[in-house]
Amino acid sequence: MMTTEKLAAVKGAVMDGKLVQSAGGITVKMGQSDKLGFDWKIFCVNDVEVRKDYIEQENPVGTSAENPIPYSEGVPLINNAYYLVDGVIKVWMEEWVDWEA
């Protein structure tokens, strides 16, 4: 049986959904997190990040020179992580350090 409280909750949820949709909807994207072995699952409303969840990577990047994190502007820098910077393997240790096999 639908009570007045339940009806008000349903109406509120529908209004919230319409508001989110009018603001551009919800999009989800993935990106390297600030933690080795994890990605961010990022939820956005109208290109504004509203939530981030850690998702464990199946093949953790940045943990070895064989699987470095591709570096580009804005990629989170994690201490002791391996990166591919302009075609060269480097390690971030509060500054870039060249990696030598």
Protein backbone atom coordinates (compact mmCIF):
# COMPACT_ATOMS: atom_id res chain seq x y z
CA MET A 1 0.00 0.00 0.00
CA MET A 2 1.34 3.45 -0.97
CA THR A 3 1.55 5.77 2.03
CA THR A 4 1.82 9.54 1.81
CA GLU A 5 5.49 9.29 2.86
CA LYS A 6 6.28 6.73 0.15
CA LEU A 7 4.46 8.81 -2.46
CA ALA A 8 6.41 11.93 -1.43
CA ALA A 9 9.67 9.96 -1.63
CA VAL A 10 8.84 8.68 -5.14
CA LYS A 11 7.90 12.19 -6.30
CA GLY A 12 11.16 13.55 -4.85
CA ALA A 13 13.21 10.85 -6.60
CA VAL A 14 11.51 11.60 -9.94
CA MET A 15 12.14 15.34 -9.50
CA ASP A 16 15.80 14.67 -8.58
CA GLY A 17 16.16 12.48 -11.67
CA LYS A 18 14.70 15.16 -13.92
CA LEU A 19 17.00 17.77 -12.35
CA VAL A 20 20.08 15.60 -12.94
CA GLN A 21 18.98 14.90 -16.52
CA SER A 22 18.45 18.61 -17.21
CA ALA A 23 21.96 19.28 -15.84
CA GLY A 24 23.51 16.99 -18.44
CA GLY A 25 22.84 13.58 -16.94
CA ILE A 26 25.22 11.26 -15.16
CA THR A 27 28.37 10.10 -16.92
CA VAL A 28 30.88 7.56 -15.70
CA LYS A 29 34.56 7.48 -16.63
CA MET A 30 37.62 5.58 -15.49
CA GLY A 31 41.06 6.98 -14.67
CA GLN A 32 44.25 6.17 -12.79
CA SER A 33 43.76 6.81 -9.09
CA ASP A 34 46.23 8.12 -6.55
CA LYS A 35 46.78 4.57 -5.30
CA LEU A 36 48.92 1.90 -7.00
CA GLY A 37 46.88 -0.97 -8.41
CA PHE A 38 43.60 0.95 -8.42
CA ASP A 39 41.64 3.07 -10.88
CA TRP A 40 39.03 5.69 -10.13
CA LYS A 41 35.47 5.06 -11.29
CA ILE A 42 34.35 8.68 -11.54
CA PHE A 43 30.70 9.72 -11.60
CA CYS A 44 29.96 13.16 -13.06
CA VAL A 45 26.87 15.34 -13.38
CA ASN A 46 27.24 17.94 -16.12
CA ASP A 47 31.02 17.29 -16.19
CA VAL A 48 31.31 17.98 -12.43
CA GLU A 49 32.80 15.07 -10.46
CA VAL A 50 30.36 14.08 -7.74
CA ARG A 51 31.78 10.72 -6.63
CA LYS A 52 34.91 8.59 -7.01
CA ASP A 53 35.22 4.91 -6.15
CA TYR A 54 38.43 2.84 -6.06
CA ILE A 55 38.31 -0.11 -8.47
CA GLU A 56 41.10 -2.69 -8.24
CA GLN A 57 42.99 -3.15 -11.51
CA GLU A 58 43.20 -6.66 -12.97
CA ASN A 59 46.73 -5.94 -14.21
CA PRO A 60 48.12 -3.31 -11.79
CA VAL A 61 49.96 -0.55 -13.64
CA GLY A 62 52.87 1.38 -12.20
CA THR A 63 54.12 -1.46 -10.02
CA SER A 64 56.95 -2.46 -12.38
CA ALA A 65 58.99 -1.14 -15.29
CA GLU A 66 57.25 -3.73 -17.49
CA ASN A 67 53.85 -2.12 -16.84
CA PRO A 68 54.35 1.62 -16.26
CA ILE A 69 51.61 4.23 -15.97
CA PRO A 70 51.46 6.29 -19.18
CA TYR A 71 52.18 9.83 -18.00
CA SER A 72 50.37 12.89 -19.28
CA GLU A 73 49.46 16.23 -17.75
CA GLY A 74 47.14 15.73 -14.78
CA VAL A 75 47.97 12.06 -14.09
CA PRO A 76 48.30 11.60 -10.29
CA LEU A 77 51.92 11.12 -9.24
CA ILE A 78 52.40 8.26 -6.78
CA ASN A 79 55.68 7.78 -4.91
CA ASN A 80 57.65 4.71 -6.05
CA ALA A 81 55.42 4.20 -9.10
CA TYR A 82 56.81 3.55 -12.58
CA TYR A 83 55.74 5.92 -15.36
CA LEU A 84 56.32 6.12 -19.09
CA VAL A 85 57.33 9.76 -19.66
CA ASP A 86 57.96 10.79 -23.27
CA GLY A 87 58.98 7.22 -24.12
CA VAL A 88 61.33 6.86 -21.12
CA ILE A 89 60.67 4.76 -17.99
CA LYS A 90 60.95 6.90 -14.85
CA VAL A 91 60.07 6.50 -11.19
CA TRP A 92 58.37 9.26 -9.19
CA MET A 93 60.11 9.80 -5.82
CA GLU A 94 59.01 13.36 -4.98
CA GLU A 95 60.82 14.10 -8.27
CA TRP A 96 61.51 12.21 -11.49
CA VAL A 97 64.25 9.57 -11.27
CA ASP A 98 65.46 7.74 -14.39
CA TRP A 99 65.01 4.00 -14.14
CA GLU A 100 67.90 1.80 -15.17
CA ALA A 101 67.57 -1.94 -15.69
